[in-house]
């Protein structure tokens, strides 16, 4: 079973995704392989996130690209707008998936089988909150370990 973390009541999902990605990627213990991250979301959001990942910190470098890029297999942070993109099959990334969108994956079981850790980012927007609740229920119904981190309390 996958561990699924819901980060709820997030004010700015793209800025939050930058900080979260940095935290996950930099938490790799010395001597161990880098933790790979796949970020799934709407294409417009991913294009903005792409720019933010290059510029949000003067001292951090977060190597990333879109899944269709020829360097995707060697890049630790990959962006895609499709859970089932054919390009993902050529990418060995399977450590962490961060989901920034509202859509529910068509095959939750396959997604959870590929990614041992899934992070769902849910904003304060009402439509996104409702979609997040539906995803929470779907994961729970499949028996996954769920955790909620309410960002309104930070």
N, C-alpha and C. Protein backbone atom coordinates (compact mmCIF):
# COMPACT_ATOMS: atom_id res chain seq x y z
N UNK A 1 0.83 -1.19 0.00
CA UNK A 1 0.00 0.00 0.00
C UNK A 1 0.87 1.25 0.00
N UNK A 2 0.41 2.25 -0.68
CA UNK A 2 1.14 3.51 -0.76
C UNK A 2 0.82 4.37 0.46
N UNK A 3 1.77 5.21 0.81
CA UNK A 3 1.52 6.24 1.82
C UNK A 3 1.06 7.47 1.05
N UNK A 4 -0.09 8.01 1.44
CA UNK A 4 -0.65 9.15 0.73
C UNK A 4 -0.85 10.29 1.71
N UNK A 5 -0.16 11.39 1.42
CA UNK A 5 -0.22 12.57 2.26
C UNK A 5 -1.05 13.64 1.56
N UNK A 6 -2.03 14.18 2.27
CA UNK A 6 -2.80 15.31 1.79
C UNK A 6 -2.30 16.55 2.51
N UNK A 7 -1.85 17.52 1.74
CA UNK A 7 -1.45 18.82 2.28
C UNK A 7 -2.61 19.74 1.93
N UNK A 8 -3.44 20.04 2.91
CA UNK A 8 -4.68 20.77 2.66
C UNK A 8 -4.59 22.22 3.10
N UNK A 9 -5.52 23.03 2.59
CA UNK A 9 -5.61 24.46 2.89
C UNK A 9 -4.35 25.21 2.50
N UNK A 10 -3.79 24.85 1.37
CA UNK A 10 -2.60 25.50 0.85
C UNK A 10 -3.02 26.79 0.14
N UNK A 11 -2.38 27.89 0.49
CA UNK A 11 -2.75 29.18 -0.09
C UNK A 11 -2.27 29.32 -1.54
N UNK A 12 -1.03 28.95 -1.83
CA UNK A 12 -0.45 29.08 -3.17
C UNK A 12 0.19 27.75 -3.53
N UNK A 13 -0.49 26.96 -4.35
CA UNK A 13 -0.02 25.60 -4.60
C UNK A 13 1.31 25.55 -5.35
N UNK A 14 1.59 26.52 -6.20
CA UNK A 14 2.83 26.47 -6.96
C UNK A 14 4.04 26.81 -6.08
N UNK A 15 3.91 27.83 -5.28
CA UNK A 15 4.99 28.16 -4.34
C UNK A 15 5.17 27.01 -3.34
N UNK A 16 4.07 26.48 -2.88
CA UNK A 16 4.13 25.35 -1.94
C UNK A 16 4.80 24.15 -2.59
N UNK A 17 4.48 23.89 -3.85
CA UNK A 17 5.09 22.77 -4.57
C UNK A 17 6.60 22.95 -4.69
N UNK A 18 7.05 24.18 -4.89
CA UNK A 18 8.50 24.45 -4.94
C UNK A 18 9.16 24.08 -3.61
N UNK A 19 8.59 24.56 -2.52
CA UNK A 19 9.17 24.28 -1.19
C UNK A 19 9.12 22.80 -0.88
N UNK A 20 7.99 22.16 -1.18
CA UNK A 20 7.83 20.73 -0.91
C UNK A 20 8.81 19.90 -1.74
N UNK A 21 8.95 20.24 -3.00
CA UNK A 21 9.88 19.53 -3.87
C UNK A 21 11.30 19.66 -3.35
N UNK A 22 11.68 20.88 -2.98
CA UNK A 22 13.02 21.10 -2.42
C UNK A 22 13.23 20.25 -1.17
N UNK A 23 12.24 20.22 -0.31
CA UNK A 23 12.36 19.46 0.95
C UNK A 23 12.51 17.97 0.68
N UNK A 24 11.67 17.43 -0.18
CA UNK A 24 11.73 15.99 -0.48
C UNK A 24 13.04 15.64 -1.17
N UNK A 25 13.41 16.42 -2.18
CA UNK A 25 14.60 16.12 -2.96
C UNK A 25 15.87 16.26 -2.12
N UNK A 26 15.93 17.26 -1.26
CA UNK A 26 17.15 17.48 -0.47
C UNK A 26 17.22 16.58 0.76
N UNK A 27 16.16 15.84 1.06
CA UNK A 27 16.15 14.96 2.23
C UNK A 27 16.80 13.61 1.96
N UNK A 28 17.37 13.44 0.78
CA UNK A 28 18.03 12.18 0.45
C UNK A 28 19.27 12.02 1.33
N UNK A 29 19.35 10.95 2.10
CA UNK A 29 20.54 10.73 2.93
C UNK A 29 21.81 10.58 2.08
N UNK A 30 22.92 11.04 2.62
CA UNK A 30 24.19 10.97 1.92
C UNK A 30 24.49 9.51 1.56
N UNK A 31 24.93 9.30 0.35
CA UNK A 31 25.29 7.96 -0.10
C UNK A 31 24.14 7.17 -0.70
N UNK A 32 22.92 7.69 -0.61
CA UNK A 32 21.78 6.99 -1.18
C UNK A 32 21.37 7.65 -2.49
N UNK A 33 20.68 6.93 -3.37
CA UNK A 33 20.25 7.53 -4.63
C UNK A 33 19.29 8.69 -4.38
N UNK A 34 19.36 9.67 -5.24
CA UNK A 34 18.47 10.84 -5.14
C UNK A 34 17.03 10.39 -5.25
N UNK A 35 16.17 10.99 -4.43
CA UNK A 35 14.73 10.68 -4.51
C UNK A 35 14.16 11.36 -5.74
N UNK A 36 13.53 10.59 -6.58
CA UNK A 36 12.93 11.10 -7.80
C UNK A 36 11.49 11.51 -7.55
N UNK A 37 11.09 12.57 -8.22
CA UNK A 37 9.76 13.14 -8.01
C UNK A 37 9.08 13.36 -9.35
N UNK A 38 7.84 12.91 -9.46
CA UNK A 38 7.01 13.21 -10.62
C UNK A 38 5.91 14.15 -10.13
N UNK A 39 5.77 15.30 -10.79
CA UNK A 39 4.74 16.27 -10.43
C UNK A 39 3.68 16.26 -11.52
N UNK A 40 2.43 16.00 -11.13
CA UNK A 40 1.31 15.94 -12.06
C UNK A 40 0.38 17.11 -11.80
N UNK A 41 -0.05 17.78 -12.84
CA UNK A 41 -0.97 18.90 -12.69
C UNK A 41 -1.46 19.36 -14.05
N UNK A 42 -2.19 20.44 -14.04
CA UNK A 42 -2.68 21.04 -15.28
C UNK A 42 -1.50 21.68 -16.00
N UNK A 43 -1.49 21.61 -17.32
CA UNK A 43 -0.37 22.10 -18.11
C UNK A 43 -0.05 23.57 -17.83
N UNK A 44 -1.07 24.40 -17.72
CA UNK A 44 -0.83 25.83 -17.45
C UNK A 44 -0.12 26.01 -16.11
N UNK A 45 -0.54 25.26 -15.10
CA UNK A 45 0.13 25.35 -13.80
C UNK A 45 1.56 24.83 -13.88
N UNK A 46 1.77 23.76 -14.62
CA UNK A 46 3.11 23.19 -14.73
C UNK A 46 4.07 24.13 -15.45
N UNK A 47 3.58 24.87 -16.43
CA UNK A 47 4.43 25.85 -17.11
C UNK A 47 4.86 26.95 -16.14
N UNK A 48 3.95 27.38 -15.28
CA UNK A 48 4.30 28.38 -14.26
C UNK A 48 5.26 27.77 -13.24
N UNK A 49 4.99 26.54 -12.85
CA UNK A 49 5.85 25.87 -11.88
C UNK A 49 7.26 25.69 -12.44
N UNK A 50 7.36 25.37 -13.72
CA UNK A 50 8.65 25.23 -14.37
C UNK A 50 9.49 26.49 -14.16
N UNK A 51 8.90 27.64 -14.40
CA UNK A 51 9.61 28.92 -14.21
C UNK A 51 9.94 29.15 -12.74
N UNK A 52 8.99 28.85 -11.87
CA UNK A 52 9.23 29.04 -10.43
C UNK A 52 10.36 28.16 -9.90
N UNK A 53 10.42 26.93 -10.36
CA UNK A 53 11.47 26.02 -9.88
C UNK A 53 12.86 26.53 -10.24
N UNK A 54 12.98 27.27 -11.34
CA UNK A 54 14.27 27.83 -11.72
C UNK A 54 14.60 29.07 -10.90
N UNK A 55 13.60 29.79 -10.42
CA UNK A 55 13.85 31.11 -9.85
C UNK A 55 13.47 31.29 -8.37
N UNK A 56 12.80 30.33 -7.76
CA UNK A 56 12.25 30.60 -6.43
C UNK A 56 13.30 30.72 -5.34
N UNK A 57 14.49 30.19 -5.55
CA UNK A 57 15.54 30.28 -4.54
C UNK A 57 16.88 30.56 -5.23
N UNK A 58 17.60 31.52 -4.69
CA UNK A 58 18.90 31.87 -5.25
C UNK A 58 19.96 30.82 -4.92
N UNK A 59 19.71 30.03 -3.88
CA UNK A 59 20.75 29.09 -3.44
C UNK A 59 20.43 27.62 -3.72
N UNK A 60 19.24 27.33 -4.23
CA UNK A 60 18.86 25.94 -4.49
C UNK A 60 18.72 25.70 -5.99
N UNK A 61 19.18 24.54 -6.42
CA UNK A 61 19.02 24.13 -7.80
C UNK A 61 18.18 22.85 -7.79
N UNK A 62 17.04 22.89 -8.41
CA UNK A 62 16.15 21.74 -8.49
C UNK A 62 16.05 21.30 -9.95
N UNK A 63 16.87 20.34 -10.36
CA UNK A 63 16.88 19.92 -11.76
C UNK A 63 15.56 19.28 -12.15
N UNK A 64 14.94 19.82 -13.17
CA UNK A 64 13.63 19.34 -13.58
C UNK A 64 13.43 19.53 -15.08
N UNK A 65 12.45 18.83 -15.62
CA UNK A 65 12.06 19.00 -17.01
C UNK A 65 10.67 18.38 -17.19
N UNK A 66 10.09 18.59 -18.35
CA UNK A 66 8.82 17.95 -18.67
C UNK A 66 9.09 16.51 -19.10
N UNK A 67 8.12 15.65 -18.89
CA UNK A 67 8.28 14.22 -19.16
C UNK A 67 8.60 13.95 -20.63
N UNK A 68 8.19 14.82 -21.53
CA UNK A 68 8.45 14.62 -22.96
C UNK A 68 9.86 15.04 -23.37
N UNK A 69 10.60 15.67 -22.48
CA UNK A 69 11.97 16.11 -22.76
C UNK A 69 12.88 14.89 -22.89
N UNK A 70 13.83 14.93 -23.79
CA UNK A 70 14.71 13.78 -23.99
C UNK A 70 15.57 13.47 -22.77
N UNK A 71 15.74 14.42 -21.86
CA UNK A 71 16.54 14.20 -20.65
C UNK A 71 15.70 13.72 -19.46
N UNK A 72 14.43 13.47 -19.67
CA UNK A 72 13.53 13.13 -18.56
C UNK A 72 13.98 11.89 -17.78
N UNK A 73 14.51 10.91 -18.45
CA UNK A 73 14.92 9.67 -17.76
C UNK A 73 16.07 9.91 -16.79
N UNK A 74 16.86 10.95 -17.02
CA UNK A 74 18.00 11.25 -16.15
C UNK A 74 17.76 12.43 -15.23
N UNK A 75 16.59 13.03 -15.29
CA UNK A 75 16.30 14.22 -14.50
C UNK A 75 15.47 13.82 -13.29
N UNK A 76 15.88 14.21 -12.08
CA UNK A 76 15.20 13.72 -10.88
C UNK A 76 13.80 14.28 -10.64
N UNK A 77 13.46 15.41 -11.25
CA UNK A 77 12.14 16.00 -11.05
C UNK A 77 11.50 16.16 -12.42
N UNK A 78 10.37 15.48 -12.62
CA UNK A 78 9.71 15.44 -13.92
C UNK A 78 8.29 15.97 -13.79
N UNK A 79 7.90 16.81 -14.74
CA UNK A 79 6.56 17.42 -14.76
C UNK A 79 5.73 16.77 -15.87
N UNK A 80 4.47 16.45 -15.55
CA UNK A 80 3.56 15.90 -16.57
C UNK A 80 2.13 16.31 -16.26
N UNK A 81 1.34 16.42 -17.31
CA UNK A 81 -0.07 16.75 -17.11
C UNK A 81 -0.97 15.53 -17.26
N UNK A 82 -0.35 14.33 -17.31
CA UNK A 82 -1.13 13.12 -17.54
C UNK A 82 -0.61 11.98 -16.67
N UNK A 83 -1.46 11.46 -15.81
CA UNK A 83 -1.07 10.34 -14.94
C UNK A 83 -0.62 9.13 -15.75
N UNK A 84 -1.20 8.96 -16.93
CA UNK A 84 -0.93 7.78 -17.74
C UNK A 84 -0.17 8.12 -19.01
N UNK A 85 0.61 9.20 -18.98
CA UNK A 85 1.37 9.59 -20.16
C UNK A 85 2.24 8.44 -20.64
N UNK A 86 2.21 8.13 -21.94
CA UNK A 86 3.10 7.08 -22.46
C UNK A 86 4.57 7.39 -22.18
N UNK A 87 4.92 8.67 -22.11
CA UNK A 87 6.30 9.06 -21.82
C UNK A 87 6.76 8.61 -20.44
N UNK A 88 5.82 8.45 -19.51
CA UNK A 88 6.19 8.01 -18.15
C UNK A 88 6.77 6.60 -18.15
N UNK A 89 6.41 5.80 -19.14
CA UNK A 89 6.91 4.42 -19.17
C UNK A 89 8.41 4.37 -19.40
N UNK A 90 8.98 5.40 -20.01
CA UNK A 90 10.42 5.42 -20.23
C UNK A 90 11.18 6.15 -19.13
N UNK A 91 10.45 6.62 -18.12
CA UNK A 91 11.06 7.34 -17.00
C UNK A 91 11.07 6.40 -15.79
N UNK A 92 12.24 6.18 -15.21
CA UNK A 92 12.32 5.23 -14.09
C UNK A 92 11.80 5.80 -12.76
N UNK A 93 11.33 7.03 -12.76
CA UNK A 93 10.93 7.68 -11.53
C UNK A 93 9.73 7.00 -10.89
N UNK A 94 9.89 6.64 -9.64
CA UNK A 94 8.78 6.00 -8.95
C UNK A 94 8.88 6.18 -7.44
N UNK A 95 9.57 7.21 -6.98
CA UNK A 95 9.70 7.43 -5.54
C UNK A 95 8.51 8.20 -4.97
N UNK A 96 8.29 9.39 -5.51
CA UNK A 96 7.25 10.28 -4.98
C UNK A 96 6.50 10.91 -6.14
N UNK A 97 5.18 10.96 -6.02
CA UNK A 97 4.37 11.71 -6.97
C UNK A 97 3.69 12.83 -6.21
N UNK A 98 3.81 14.05 -6.71
CA UNK A 98 3.10 15.20 -6.15
C UNK A 98 2.00 15.57 -7.13
N UNK A 99 0.77 15.58 -6.64
CA UNK A 99 -0.37 15.90 -7.50
C UNK A 99 -0.89 17.28 -7.16
N UNK A 100 -0.87 18.17 -8.17
CA UNK A 100 -1.33 19.55 -7.98
C UNK A 100 -2.69 19.81 -8.60
N UNK A 101 -3.22 18.85 -9.33
CA UNK A 101 -4.46 19.05 -10.07
C UNK A 101 -5.69 18.64 -9.29
N UNK A 102 -6.83 18.69 -9.97
CA UNK A 102 -8.09 18.32 -9.34
C UNK A 102 -8.62 16.98 -9.84
N UNK A 103 -8.09 16.51 -10.96
CA UNK A 103 -8.61 15.27 -11.56
C UNK A 103 -8.22 14.05 -10.73
N UNK A 104 -9.09 13.10 -10.72
CA UNK A 104 -8.81 11.82 -10.09
C UNK A 104 -8.16 10.93 -11.14
N UNK A 105 -7.09 10.23 -10.80
CA UNK A 105 -6.50 9.32 -11.77
C UNK A 105 -7.50 8.23 -12.16
N UNK A 106 -7.47 7.79 -13.41
CA UNK A 106 -8.37 6.73 -13.85
C UNK A 106 -8.08 5.42 -13.14
N UNK A 107 -6.82 5.13 -12.91
CA UNK A 107 -6.43 3.87 -12.29
C UNK A 107 -5.64 4.14 -11.02
N UNK A 108 -6.35 4.38 -9.93
CA UNK A 108 -5.72 4.70 -8.65
C UNK A 108 -4.85 3.54 -8.17
N UNK A 109 -5.32 2.33 -8.38
CA UNK A 109 -4.55 1.17 -7.91
C UNK A 109 -3.20 1.09 -8.60
N UNK A 110 -3.15 1.32 -9.92
CA UNK A 110 -1.88 1.27 -10.65
C UNK A 110 -0.96 2.40 -10.23
N UNK A 111 -1.53 3.57 -10.02
CA UNK A 111 -0.74 4.71 -9.58
C UNK A 111 -0.12 4.45 -8.21
N UNK A 112 -0.92 3.94 -7.29
CA UNK A 112 -0.42 3.64 -5.95
C UNK A 112 0.58 2.49 -5.96
N UNK A 113 0.45 1.60 -6.92
CA UNK A 113 1.42 0.50 -7.04
C UNK A 113 2.76 1.02 -7.54
N UNK A 114 2.75 2.03 -8.38
CA UNK A 114 4.00 2.58 -8.92
C UNK A 114 4.70 3.50 -7.95
N UNK A 115 3.93 4.34 -7.25
CA UNK A 115 4.51 5.33 -6.35
C UNK A 115 4.25 4.95 -4.89
N UNK A 116 5.29 4.63 -4.13
CA UNK A 116 5.08 4.28 -2.72
C UNK A 116 4.64 5.48 -1.88
N UNK A 117 4.87 6.68 -2.41
CA UNK A 117 4.43 7.88 -1.69
C UNK A 117 3.78 8.83 -2.68
N UNK A 118 2.57 9.25 -2.34
CA UNK A 118 1.82 10.21 -3.15
C UNK A 118 1.47 11.39 -2.26
N UNK A 119 1.73 12.59 -2.78
CA UNK A 119 1.39 13.80 -2.04
C UNK A 119 0.34 14.56 -2.84
N UNK A 120 -0.79 14.77 -2.24
CA UNK A 120 -1.89 15.52 -2.85
C UNK A 120 -1.89 16.92 -2.25
N UNK A 121 -1.74 17.94 -3.10
CA UNK A 121 -1.76 19.33 -2.64
C UNK A 121 -3.15 19.89 -2.93
N UNK A 122 -3.84 20.32 -1.87
CA UNK A 122 -5.21 20.81 -1.99
C UNK A 122 -5.25 22.25 -1.47
N UNK A 123 -5.71 23.16 -2.31
CA UNK A 123 -5.72 24.57 -1.93
C UNK A 123 -6.98 24.92 -1.14
N UNK A 124 -7.10 26.20 -0.84
CA UNK A 124 -8.27 26.71 -0.11
C UNK A 124 -9.45 26.94 -1.05
N UNK A 125 -9.22 26.86 -2.36
CA UNK A 125 -10.28 27.02 -3.34
C UNK A 125 -11.34 25.93 -3.13
N UNK A 126 -12.61 26.33 -3.07
CA UNK A 126 -13.68 25.39 -2.74
C UNK A 126 -13.79 24.22 -3.72
N UNK A 127 -13.67 24.49 -5.01
CA UNK A 127 -13.75 23.41 -6.00
C UNK A 127 -12.59 22.43 -5.79
N UNK A 128 -11.40 22.93 -5.50
CA UNK A 128 -10.25 22.06 -5.28
C UNK A 128 -10.40 21.27 -3.97
N UNK A 129 -10.99 21.91 -2.97
CA UNK A 129 -11.23 21.20 -1.70
C UNK A 129 -12.19 20.03 -1.90
N UNK A 130 -13.27 20.26 -2.64
CA UNK A 130 -14.24 19.20 -2.89
C UNK A 130 -13.62 18.06 -3.70
N UNK A 131 -12.82 18.41 -4.72
CA UNK A 131 -12.14 17.39 -5.51
C UNK A 131 -11.14 16.62 -4.64
N UNK A 132 -10.48 17.32 -3.73
CA UNK A 132 -9.54 16.68 -2.81
C UNK A 132 -10.24 15.69 -1.89
N UNK A 133 -11.41 16.05 -1.43
CA UNK A 133 -12.18 15.13 -0.57
C UNK A 133 -12.54 13.85 -1.32
N UNK A 134 -12.90 13.98 -2.59
CA UNK A 134 -13.23 12.80 -3.39
C UNK A 134 -12.01 11.91 -3.58
N UNK A 135 -10.85 12.51 -3.82
CA UNK A 135 -9.64 11.71 -3.95
C UNK A 135 -9.29 11.04 -2.63
N UNK A 136 -9.46 11.74 -1.53
CA UNK A 136 -9.20 11.17 -0.20
C UNK A 136 -10.05 9.91 0.00
N UNK A 137 -11.35 10.02 -0.31
CA UNK A 137 -12.26 8.88 -0.16
C UNK A 137 -11.84 7.71 -1.04
N UNK A 138 -11.44 8.00 -2.28
CA UNK A 138 -11.05 6.93 -3.20
C UNK A 138 -9.82 6.19 -2.69
N UNK A 139 -8.84 6.93 -2.21
CA UNK A 139 -7.64 6.29 -1.66
C UNK A 139 -7.99 5.49 -0.39
N UNK A 140 -8.81 6.07 0.45
CA UNK A 140 -9.21 5.39 1.69
C UNK A 140 -9.95 4.09 1.39
N UNK A 141 -10.84 4.14 0.40
CA UNK A 141 -11.60 2.95 0.04
C UNK A 141 -10.71 1.82 -0.48
N UNK A 142 -9.54 2.18 -0.99
CA UNK A 142 -8.59 1.17 -1.46
C UNK A 142 -7.66 0.69 -0.35
N UNK A 143 -7.80 1.28 0.84
CA UNK A 143 -7.04 0.82 1.99
C UNK A 143 -5.66 1.42 2.17
N UNK A 144 -5.38 2.56 1.55
CA UNK A 144 -4.07 3.17 1.67
C UNK A 144 -3.90 3.92 2.99
N UNK A 145 -2.66 4.05 3.40
CA UNK A 145 -2.31 4.81 4.61
C UNK A 145 -2.41 6.30 4.28
N UNK A 146 -3.34 7.00 4.92
CA UNK A 146 -3.59 8.41 4.63
C UNK A 146 -3.15 9.30 5.79
N UNK A 147 -2.59 10.44 5.43
CA UNK A 147 -2.17 11.44 6.42
C UNK A 147 -2.61 12.80 5.89
N UNK A 148 -3.05 13.67 6.79
CA UNK A 148 -3.44 15.02 6.40
C UNK A 148 -2.58 16.03 7.14
N UNK A 149 -2.05 16.98 6.38
CA UNK A 149 -1.25 18.06 6.95
C UNK A 149 -1.95 19.36 6.62
N UNK A 150 -2.67 19.92 7.60
CA UNK A 150 -3.46 21.11 7.43
C UNK A 150 -2.55 22.34 7.47
N UNK A 151 -2.39 23.00 6.32
CA UNK A 151 -1.47 24.13 6.22
C UNK A 151 -2.07 25.42 6.77
N UNK A 152 -3.35 25.43 7.10
CA UNK A 152 -3.94 26.63 7.70
C UNK A 152 -3.43 26.83 9.12
N UNK A 153 -2.86 25.78 9.69
CA UNK A 153 -2.36 25.84 11.07
C UNK A 153 -0.87 26.17 11.12
N UNK A 154 -0.23 26.36 9.94
CA UNK A 154 1.21 26.66 9.97
C UNK A 154 1.47 28.13 9.82
